[in-house]
């Protein structure tokens, strides 16, 4: 890689020429036009709010015969430390953003260098997890990432009006997007503290859900509406943001937050009662949603897709396991195979009263691939399933013990993409 150099880009406000070039290179990678001045202003505000680091790869020489080659980065990589709920208190995690490699510089080790450097820094700094969302499912397994949460898209048919087994008391109010921000933050904080799989939201959510800016459309968010639900004591416990699409008579849900199933059902009953609408579309239905069960005709709900959502990488096994929430007592021994070395090793995990004690071992009969550890850690899939898939190896009794210890009653759920 003598033809590529690596450097970080200082974040300053207003954006420097180097920051603009970094952002334009990122947008090129995702098939977007260069950033307008307004888009750049919002972007700087968003990344500054989470202390995001910008790393880049630059070509050190031009292609022979080409004198005006674009001098923006040939690779971009953003990162920031936020948190993930692993079933107990939120755990620090390195979020990975805006990973691109220019088509002209593929297969030169650019992504490998950027990712390795970032994970090495996080491991050195004591951050036990890393997380990302993937534009392609085949990219990040080689770096130790495995699927941590999934999302299910649904459409609710609302014409004629749906019938419910029971009606939730309608404690709903419409609020302007800007005025709803504090309420939304409070509701999300409750969800993040209580939901396994929840990822803390970066500032881009504030920008979009306030209506201030839609980066995809390069303009303020048009027609955004917000409805708030309160509990019997008057405390907000649910918020939904949506836009109406006149062309197909639909409601497109942009965000739906509910601290419990009762609040979620209230939000759905509100959405199902909006006039001049034939359907309500939402990309991320909770795996414990009461929606289908509450309808007298459950076929009003159709699944439009199920896909991987967030991906996880364990960097420090003892720290990650001691920070995890456990639902069963027991003990198991296993080793982790990690080509990058961060999670390599063998351990005995003993759980009592929801607390894990992690002891290093020389070896263990049960062997877990580091990508499988991510899914197992979050409770997305059973160890026995991963064994059938070839990602866990070992004696049946050891795999059974691993499955019992890591099993969770409720699947992980994230409301945050990044």
Protein backbone atom coordinates (compact mmCIF):
# COMPACT_ATOMS: atom_id res chain seq x y z
CA UNK A 1 0.00 0.00 0.00
CA UNK A 2 2.87 2.38 -0.73
CA UNK A 3 0.50 4.30 -2.99
CA UNK A 4 -1.89 5.02 -0.09
CA UNK A 5 -1.35 7.01 3.09
CA UNK A 6 -3.62 7.04 6.15
CA UNK A 7 -4.49 10.01 8.33
CA UNK A 8 -7.23 11.41 10.54
CA UNK A 9 -9.22 14.52 9.65
CA UNK A 10 -9.69 17.02 12.51
CA UNK A 11 -13.33 17.95 13.12
CA UNK A 12 -13.79 21.72 13.15
CA UNK A 13 -16.77 24.04 12.72
CA UNK A 14 -17.26 25.37 10.10
CA UNK A 15 -16.06 22.46 8.03
CA UNK A 16 -12.55 22.58 6.67
CA UNK A 17 -11.75 21.73 3.04
CA UNK A 18 -10.45 18.37 4.28
CA UNK A 19 -13.78 17.67 6.01
CA UNK A 20 -15.74 18.61 2.91
CA UNK A 21 -13.56 16.29 0.82
CA UNK A 22 -14.07 13.49 3.38
CA UNK A 23 -17.85 13.94 3.31
CA UNK A 24 -17.99 14.12 -0.48
CA UNK A 25 -15.90 10.94 -0.73
CA UNK A 26 -18.29 9.22 1.66
CA UNK A 27 -21.31 10.35 -0.32
CA UNK A 28 -19.68 9.10 -3.51
CA UNK A 29 -19.35 5.68 -1.89
CA UNK A 30 -23.07 5.59 -1.12
CA UNK A 31 -24.15 6.87 -4.52
CA UNK A 32 -25.09 10.36 -3.35
CA UNK A 33 -24.36 13.80 -4.77
CA UNK A 34 -21.77 16.05 -3.12
CA UNK A 35 -22.95 17.77 0.05
CA UNK A 36 -24.57 21.19 -0.20
CA UNK A 37 -23.49 23.89 2.22
CA UNK A 38 -26.62 23.27 4.32
CA UNK A 39 -26.03 19.52 4.37
CA UNK A 40 -22.44 20.07 5.45
CA UNK A 41 -23.53 22.37 8.29
CA UNK A 42 -25.94 19.76 9.68
CA UNK A 43 -23.36 17.02 9.28
CA UNK A 44 -20.73 18.94 11.23
CA UNK A 45 -23.23 19.55 14.02
CA UNK A 46 -24.17 15.87 14.13
CA UNK A 47 -20.64 14.46 14.23
CA UNK A 48 -19.43 17.08 16.71
CA UNK A 49 -22.24 16.13 19.11
CA UNK A 50 -20.89 12.57 19.44
CA UNK A 51 -17.18 13.43 19.16
CA UNK A 52 -16.90 11.42 15.97
CA UNK A 53 -13.46 10.62 14.64
CA UNK A 54 -12.84 10.83 10.89
CA UNK A 55 -10.16 8.60 9.39
CA UNK A 56 -9.18 8.56 5.74
CA UNK A 57 -6.98 6.94 3.15
CA UNK A 58 -5.41 9.12 0.46
CA UNK A 59 -3.77 8.22 -2.82
CA UNK A 60 -0.14 9.32 -2.81
CA UNK A 61 0.27 9.34 -6.57
CA UNK A 62 -1.91 10.03 -9.59
CA UNK A 63 -2.60 7.58 -12.37
CA UNK A 64 0.01 8.10 -15.11
CA UNK A 65 -1.41 10.25 -17.86
CA UNK A 66 -4.10 11.76 -15.60
CA UNK A 67 -3.16 15.19 -14.29
CA UNK A 68 -6.45 16.20 -12.66
CA UNK A 69 -7.35 13.17 -10.55
CA UNK A 70 -9.75 13.98 -7.69
CA UNK A 71 -7.71 14.44 -4.51
CA UNK A 72 -10.45 13.51 -1.99
CA UNK A 73 -9.94 10.42 0.22
CA UNK A 74 -10.02 7.02 -1.48
CA UNK A 75 -11.26 5.51 1.78
CA UNK A 76 -13.35 6.90 4.65
CA UNK A 77 -14.05 5.56 8.14
CA UNK A 78 -15.94 7.26 10.98
CA UNK A 79 -16.11 6.12 14.61
CA UNK A 80 -17.46 7.24 17.98
CA UNK A 81 -17.96 5.70 21.41
CA UNK A 82 -21.64 5.33 22.40
CA UNK A 83 -23.38 2.44 24.20
CA UNK A 84 -25.39 -0.76 23.78
CA UNK A 85 -27.79 -2.44 26.20
CA UNK A 86 -26.64 -6.04 26.66
CA UNK A 87 -29.33 -6.89 29.19
CA UNK A 88 -28.04 -4.83 32.11
CA UNK A 89 -26.42 -1.39 32.30
CA UNK A 90 -25.46 0.07 28.88
CA UNK A 91 -22.04 -1.12 27.70
CA UNK A 92 -19.56 1.22 25.95
CA UNK A 93 -19.24 0.40 22.25
CA UNK A 94 -17.32 1.77 19.30
CA UNK A 95 -19.83 2.69 16.60
CA UNK A 96 -18.50 2.47 13.04
CA UNK A 97 -19.92 4.90 10.47
CA UNK A 98 -19.52 5.86 6.82
CA UNK A 99 -17.15 3.13 5.66
CA UNK A 100 -16.26 3.53 1.99
CA UNK A 101 -13.48 2.56 -0.38
CA UNK A 102 -13.35 4.18 -3.80
CA UNK A 103 -13.88 1.75 -6.67
CA UNK A 104 -10.46 2.63 -8.10
CA UNK A 105 -8.70 1.49 -4.91
CA UNK A 106 -10.45 -1.76 -4.01
CA UNK A 107 -8.49 -4.85 -2.91
CA UNK A 108 -5.49 -2.88 -1.73
CA UNK A 109 -6.05 -3.42 1.98
CA UNK A 110 -7.60 0.02 2.58
CA UNK A 111 -10.60 -1.20 4.58
CA UNK A 112 -8.49 -3.74 6.46
CA UNK A 113 -6.08 -1.03 7.60
CA UNK A 114 -8.82 1.44 8.59
CA UNK A 115 -10.81 -1.19 10.49
CA UNK A 116 -7.79 -2.77 12.19
CA UNK A 117 -6.54 0.60 13.40
CA UNK A 118 -9.96 1.56 14.78
CA UNK A 119 -10.54 -1.74 16.58
CA UNK A 120 -7.00 -1.68 17.97
CA UNK A 121 -7.56 1.81 19.43
CA UNK A 122 -10.89 0.75 20.94
CA UNK A 123 -9.37 -2.38 22.48
CA UNK A 124 -6.49 -0.34 23.88
CA UNK A 125 -8.95 2.17 25.35
CA UNK A 126 -10.93 -0.55 27.14
CA UNK A 127 -14.02 -0.44 24.92
CA UNK A 128 -15.34 -4.03 24.96
CA UNK A 129 -17.67 -3.91 21.93
CA UNK A 130 -17.86 -2.48 18.42
CA UNK A 131 -21.02 -2.08 16.36
CA UNK A 132 -22.15 -1.13 12.87
CA UNK A 133 -24.91 -1.50 10.32
CA UNK A 134 -23.89 -3.06 7.03
CA UNK A 135 -24.80 -2.03 3.50
CA UNK A 136 -23.71 -5.52 2.40
CA UNK A 137 -23.91 -8.63 4.58
CA UNK A 138 -20.67 -10.19 3.35
CA UNK A 139 -18.25 -7.38 4.22
CA UNK A 140 -17.71 -7.45 7.97
CA UNK A 141 -17.57 -11.09 9.07
CA UNK A 142 -13.85 -11.16 8.30
CA UNK A 143 -13.40 -8.45 10.92
CA UNK A 144 -15.23 -10.46 13.59
CA UNK A 145 -18.67 -8.84 13.32
CA UNK A 146 -21.79 -10.98 13.63
CA UNK A 147 -25.48 -10.15 13.41
CA UNK A 148 -26.73 -8.80 16.75
CA UNK A 149 -30.28 -7.69 15.95
CA UNK A 150 -32.76 -8.09 13.11
CA UNK A 151 -35.63 -5.92 11.98
CA UNK A 152 -38.98 -6.82 10.48
CA UNK A 153 -40.82 -4.48 8.16
CA UNK A 154 -44.63 -4.57 8.19
CA UNK A 155 -47.62 -2.97 6.52
CA UNK A 156 -50.93 -2.58 8.36
CA UNK A 157 -53.99 -2.34 6.10
CA UNK A 158 -56.30 0.32 7.57
CA UNK A 159 -59.14 0.53 5.05
CA UNK A 160 -61.74 -0.44 6.07
CA UNK A 161 -60.90 0.54 9.63
CA UNK A 162 -59.33 -2.32 11.58
CA UNK A 163 -61.20 -3.96 14.46
CA UNK A 164 -59.42 -4.63 17.76
CA UNK A 165 -60.01 -7.13 20.52
CA UNK A 166 -59.74 -4.24 22.97
CA UNK A 167 -59.38 -0.50 22.64
CA UNK A 168 -56.63 1.22 24.61
CA UNK A 169 -57.70 4.41 26.36
CA UNK A 170 -56.78 7.14 23.84
CA UNK A 171 -54.43 9.47 25.70
CA UNK A 172 -52.86 10.97 22.56
CA UNK A 173 -51.74 14.45 21.57
CA UNK A 174 -50.18 15.90 18.43
CA UNK A 175 -46.99 17.86 19.06
CA UNK A 176 -44.67 19.74 16.72
CA UNK A 177 -41.50 17.80 15.84
CA UNK A 178 -39.27 20.38 17.53
CA UNK A 179 -41.37 20.48 20.70
CA UNK A 180 -41.42 16.68 20.86
CA UNK A 181 -37.63 16.34 21.09
CA UNK A 182 -37.40 16.43 24.87
CA UNK A 183 -40.28 13.97 25.19
CA UNK A 184 -38.67 11.69 22.63
CA UNK A 185 -35.34 11.78 24.43
CA UNK A 186 -37.00 10.86 27.73
CA UNK A 187 -38.96 7.98 26.19
CA UNK A 188 -35.93 6.66 24.33
CA UNK A 189 -33.81 6.84 27.50
CA UNK A 190 -36.31 4.56 29.23
CA UNK A 191 -36.26 2.16 26.30
CA UNK A 192 -32.46 2.16 26.07
CA UNK A 193 -32.16 1.39 29.78
CA UNK A 194 -34.57 -1.54 29.67
CA UNK A 195 -34.25 -3.17 26.22
CA UNK A 196 -31.62 -5.77 25.41
CA UNK A 197 -30.13 -4.88 22.04
CA UNK A 198 -30.87 -1.16 22.24
CA UNK A 199 -28.21 1.11 20.73
CA UNK A 200 -27.81 4.68 21.92
CA UNK A 201 -28.77 7.07 19.15
CA UNK A 202 -26.32 9.41 17.44
CA UNK A 203 -27.27 13.06 16.96
CA UNK A 204 -28.51 12.45 13.41
CA UNK A 205 -31.78 11.25 14.95
CA UNK A 206 -32.27 14.62 16.63
CA UNK A 207 -31.63 16.43 13.36
CA UNK A 208 -34.02 14.28 11.34
CA UNK A 209 -36.82 13.79 13.88
CA UNK A 210 -36.92 17.49 14.72
CA UNK A 211 -37.72 18.05 11.06
CA UNK A 212 -34.61 20.18 10.66
CA UNK A 213 -32.94 18.18 7.90
CA UNK A 214 -33.43 15.13 5.71
CA UNK A 215 -30.02 14.21 4.35
CA UNK A 216 -31.45 11.97 1.64
CA UNK A 217 -33.58 14.80 0.25
CA UNK A 218 -31.13 17.64 1.01
CA UNK A 219 -33.93 19.65 2.61
CA UNK A 220 -35.92 20.04 5.83
CA UNK A 221 -38.23 17.09 6.50
CA UNK A 222 -41.53 17.83 4.78
CA UNK A 223 -44.85 16.96 6.40
CA UNK A 224 -43.45 15.30 9.52
CA UNK A 225 -46.08 14.74 12.24
CA UNK A 226 -45.58 13.60 15.82
CA UNK A 227 -48.08 12.03 18.20
CA UNK A 228 -47.39 11.42 21.89
CA UNK A 229 -49.07 8.92 24.21
CA UNK A 230 -49.11 9.28 28.00
CA UNK A 231 -49.70 6.77 30.77
CA UNK A 232 -52.46 7.04 33.38
CA UNK A 233 -50.32 9.42 35.46
CA UNK A 234 -49.70 11.73 32.52
CA UNK A 235 -46.10 10.72 31.83
CA UNK A 236 -45.19 10.29 28.14
CA UNK A 237 -44.59 6.62 27.36
CA UNK A 238 -44.87 6.53 23.56
CA UNK A 239 -43.97 8.72 20.58
CA UNK A 240 -44.57 8.15 16.88
CA UNK A 241 -43.29 10.27 13.98
CA UNK A 242 -44.82 9.84 10.55
CA UNK A 243 -45.47 11.40 7.17
CA UNK A 244 -48.50 10.96 4.95
CA UNK A 245 -47.98 10.00 1.32
CA UNK A 246 -50.90 11.26 -0.71
CA UNK A 247 -49.86 9.37 -3.84
CA UNK A 248 -50.47 5.91 -2.39
CA UNK A 249 -52.65 6.97 0.57
CA UNK A 250 -50.18 5.62 3.10
CA UNK A 251 -48.65 6.64 6.39
CA UNK A 252 -44.90 6.12 6.50
CA UNK A 253 -43.75 5.71 10.09
CA UNK A 254 -40.34 7.31 10.59
CA UNK A 255 -39.94 6.43 14.27
CA UNK A 256 -42.03 4.55 16.82
CA UNK A 257 -40.99 4.48 20.46
CA UNK A 258 -42.98 2.78 23.22
CA UNK A 259 -41.80 1.87 26.71
CA UNK A 260 -44.18 -1.10 26.90
CA UNK A 261 -46.70 -3.10 24.87
CA UNK A 262 -49.67 -1.07 26.12
CA UNK A 263 -48.16 2.17 24.83
CA UNK A 264 -47.20 0.53 21.54
CA UNK A 265 -50.74 -0.74 20.99
CA UNK A 266 -52.08 2.75 21.68
CA UNK A 267 -49.77 4.16 19.00
CA UNK A 268 -50.88 1.54 16.49
CA UNK A 269 -54.54 2.17 17.19
CA UNK A 270 -53.92 5.88 16.62
CA UNK A 271 -52.13 5.19 13.34
CA UNK A 272 -54.90 2.85 12.24
CA UNK A 273 -57.52 5.55 12.75
CA UNK A 274 -55.97 8.29 10.59
CA UNK A 275 -58.40 9.42 7.89
CA UNK A 276 -57.73 9.12 4.15
CA UNK A 277 -55.18 6.36 4.65
CA UNK A 278 -55.21 2.81 3.30
CA UNK A 279 -52.07 1.46 4.95
CA UNK A 280 -49.43 2.17 7.57
CA UNK A 281 -45.83 1.19 6.83
CA UNK A 282 -43.14 0.61 9.48
CA UNK A 283 -39.71 -0.93 8.92
CA UNK A 284 -38.91 -2.12 12.43
CA UNK A 285 -41.71 -3.84 14.33
CA UNK A 286 -40.79 -4.97 17.83
CA UNK A 287 -40.40 -8.77 18.13
CA UNK A 288 -42.74 -8.60 21.15
CA UNK A 289 -45.30 -6.32 19.49
CA UNK A 290 -48.96 -6.96 20.36
CA UNK A 291 -50.08 -5.62 16.97
CA UNK A 292 -51.07 -8.84 15.19
CA UNK A 293 -52.55 -10.38 18.34
CA UNK A 294 -54.68 -7.32 19.04
CA UNK A 295 -56.37 -7.32 15.63
CA UNK A 296 -59.49 -9.40 15.05
CA UNK A 297 -58.05 -9.97 11.57
CA UNK A 298 -54.31 -10.58 12.02
CA UNK A 299 -53.89 -10.80 8.24
CA UNK A 300 -54.21 -7.03 8.18
CA UNK A 301 -50.48 -7.13 9.00
CA UNK A 302 -48.17 -8.26 6.22
CA UNK A 303 -44.43 -8.71 6.55
CA UNK A 304 -42.53 -6.75 3.92
CA UNK A 305 -39.10 -8.03 4.89
CA UNK A 306 -36.87 -9.43 7.63
CA UNK A 307 -33.21 -8.44 7.54
CA UNK A 308 -30.09 -8.08 9.62
CA UNK A 309 -29.95 -4.71 11.33
CA UNK A 310 -27.09 -4.13 13.76
CA UNK A 311 -23.82 -6.06 13.81
CA UNK A 312 -21.61 -6.57 16.86
CA UNK A 313 -17.95 -7.29 17.45
CA UNK A 314 -16.64 -8.45 20.84
CA UNK A 315 -13.24 -6.92 21.57
CA UNK A 316 -12.78 -7.88 25.23
CA UNK A 317 -14.47 -11.14 26.22
CA UNK A 318 -14.21 -10.87 30.04
CA UNK A 319 -15.34 -7.22 30.07
CA UNK A 320 -18.22 -7.91 27.68
CA UNK A 321 -19.45 -10.96 29.58
CA UNK A 322 -19.30 -9.32 33.00
CA UNK A 323 -21.29 -6.37 31.63
CA UNK A 324 -23.97 -8.64 30.11
CA UNK A 325 -27.34 -9.25 31.71
CA UNK A 326 -27.84 -12.94 32.52
CA UNK A 327 -31.16 -14.72 32.97
CA UNK A 328 -29.95 -18.12 34.19
CA UNK A 329 -27.36 -19.36 36.65
CA UNK A 330 -24.79 -21.93 35.61
CA UNK A 331 -21.26 -22.49 34.42
CA UNK A 332 -19.70 -23.21 31.03
CA UNK A 333 -16.25 -23.39 29.50
CA UNK A 334 -15.54 -22.30 25.94
CA UNK A 335 -12.86 -20.84 23.73
CA UNK A 336 -13.16 -18.12 21.10
CA UNK A 337 -11.43 -18.28 17.73
CA UNK A 338 -10.56 -14.78 16.53
CA UNK A 339 -8.21 -14.31 13.56
CA UNK A 340 -7.65 -10.68 14.58
CA UNK A 341 -6.69 -11.76 18.10
CA UNK A 342 -8.78 -9.36 20.19
CA UNK A 343 -11.17 -12.00 21.56
CA UNK A 344 -8.93 -15.05 21.20
CA UNK A 345 -8.75 -17.23 24.32
CA UNK A 346 -10.56 -19.67 26.57
CA UNK A 347 -12.69 -18.95 29.64
CA UNK A 348 -14.89 -20.43 32.31
CA UNK A 349 -18.04 -18.35 32.81
CA UNK A 350 -19.93 -18.85 36.06
CA UNK A 351 -23.19 -16.97 36.58
CA UNK A 352 -24.89 -16.57 39.95
CA UNK A 353 -27.60 -14.05 40.82
CA UNK A 354 -27.42 -12.53 37.30
CA UNK A 355 -23.70 -11.77 37.67
CA UNK A 356 -20.91 -13.44 35.69
CA UNK A 357 -17.46 -14.36 36.91
CA UNK A 358 -15.05 -14.93 34.01
CA UNK A 359 -11.88 -16.97 34.56
CA UNK A 360 -9.23 -17.52 31.86
CA UNK A 361 -8.33 -21.10 30.91
CA UNK A 362 -5.62 -22.71 28.83
CA UNK A 363 -8.15 -24.47 26.58
CA UNK A 364 -11.79 -25.56 26.35
CA UNK A 365 -13.65 -28.27 24.46
CA UNK A 366 -16.34 -25.94 23.10
CA UNK A 367 -15.03 -23.60 20.39
CA UNK A 368 -16.96 -20.49 19.35
CA UNK A 369 -16.23 -18.44 16.24
CA UNK A 370 -15.93 -14.75 17.13
CA UNK A 371 -18.73 -13.84 14.70
CA UNK A 372 -21.03 -16.33 16.44
CA UNK A 373 -20.10 -14.90 19.82
CA UNK A 374 -21.69 -11.59 18.80
CA UNK A 375 -25.06 -13.18 18.04
CA UNK A 376 -24.87 -15.44 21.08
CA UNK A 377 -23.88 -12.55 23.34
CA UNK A 378 -26.89 -10.47 22.38
CA UNK A 379 -29.30 -13.41 22.66
CA UNK A 380 -30.32 -13.34 19.00
CA UNK A 381 -29.81 -17.06 18.34
CA UNK A 382 -29.40 -20.25 20.35
CA UNK A 383 -25.98 -21.88 20.64
CA UNK A 384 -27.40 -25.16 19.32
CA UNK A 385 -28.46 -23.39 16.12
CA UNK A 386 -25.00 -21.89 15.70
CA UNK A 387 -23.50 -25.35 16.21
CA UNK A 388 -25.62 -26.80 13.40
CA UNK A 389 -24.50 -23.87 11.23
CA UNK A 390 -20.85 -24.76 11.88
CA UNK A 391 -19.98 -21.68 13.94
CA UNK A 392 -19.71 -23.51 17.28
CA UNK A 393 -17.93 -26.85 17.73
CA UNK A 394 -17.62 -29.21 20.65
CA UNK A 395 -19.32 -31.95 22.64
CA UNK A 396 -23.12 -31.88 22.80
CA UNK A 397 -23.25 -31.44 26.57
CA UNK A 398 -20.94 -28.44 26.39
CA UNK A 399 -22.99 -26.81 23.63
CA UNK A 400 -26.18 -27.47 25.61
CA UNK A 401 -24.65 -25.78 28.66
CA UNK A 402 -23.63 -22.81 26.51
CA UNK A 403 -27.15 -22.55 25.11
CA UNK A 404 -28.80 -22.65 28.54
CA UNK A 405 -26.53 -19.98 29.97
CA UNK A 406 -26.81 -17.48 27.09
CA UNK A 407 -30.51 -18.02 26.36
CA UNK A 408 -32.81 -15.00 26.81
CA UNK A 409 -36.59 -14.85 27.14
CA UNK A 410 -36.98 -11.96 24.70
CA UNK A 411 -35.05 -11.38 21.44
CA UNK A 412 -32.80 -8.31 21.26
CA UNK A 413 -34.30 -5.23 19.64
CA UNK A 414 -32.66 -2.07 18.34
CA UNK A 415 -34.37 1.10 17.17
CA UNK A 416 -31.15 2.70 15.98
CA UNK A 417 -29.51 2.60 12.60
CA UNK A 418 -26.22 4.37 11.90
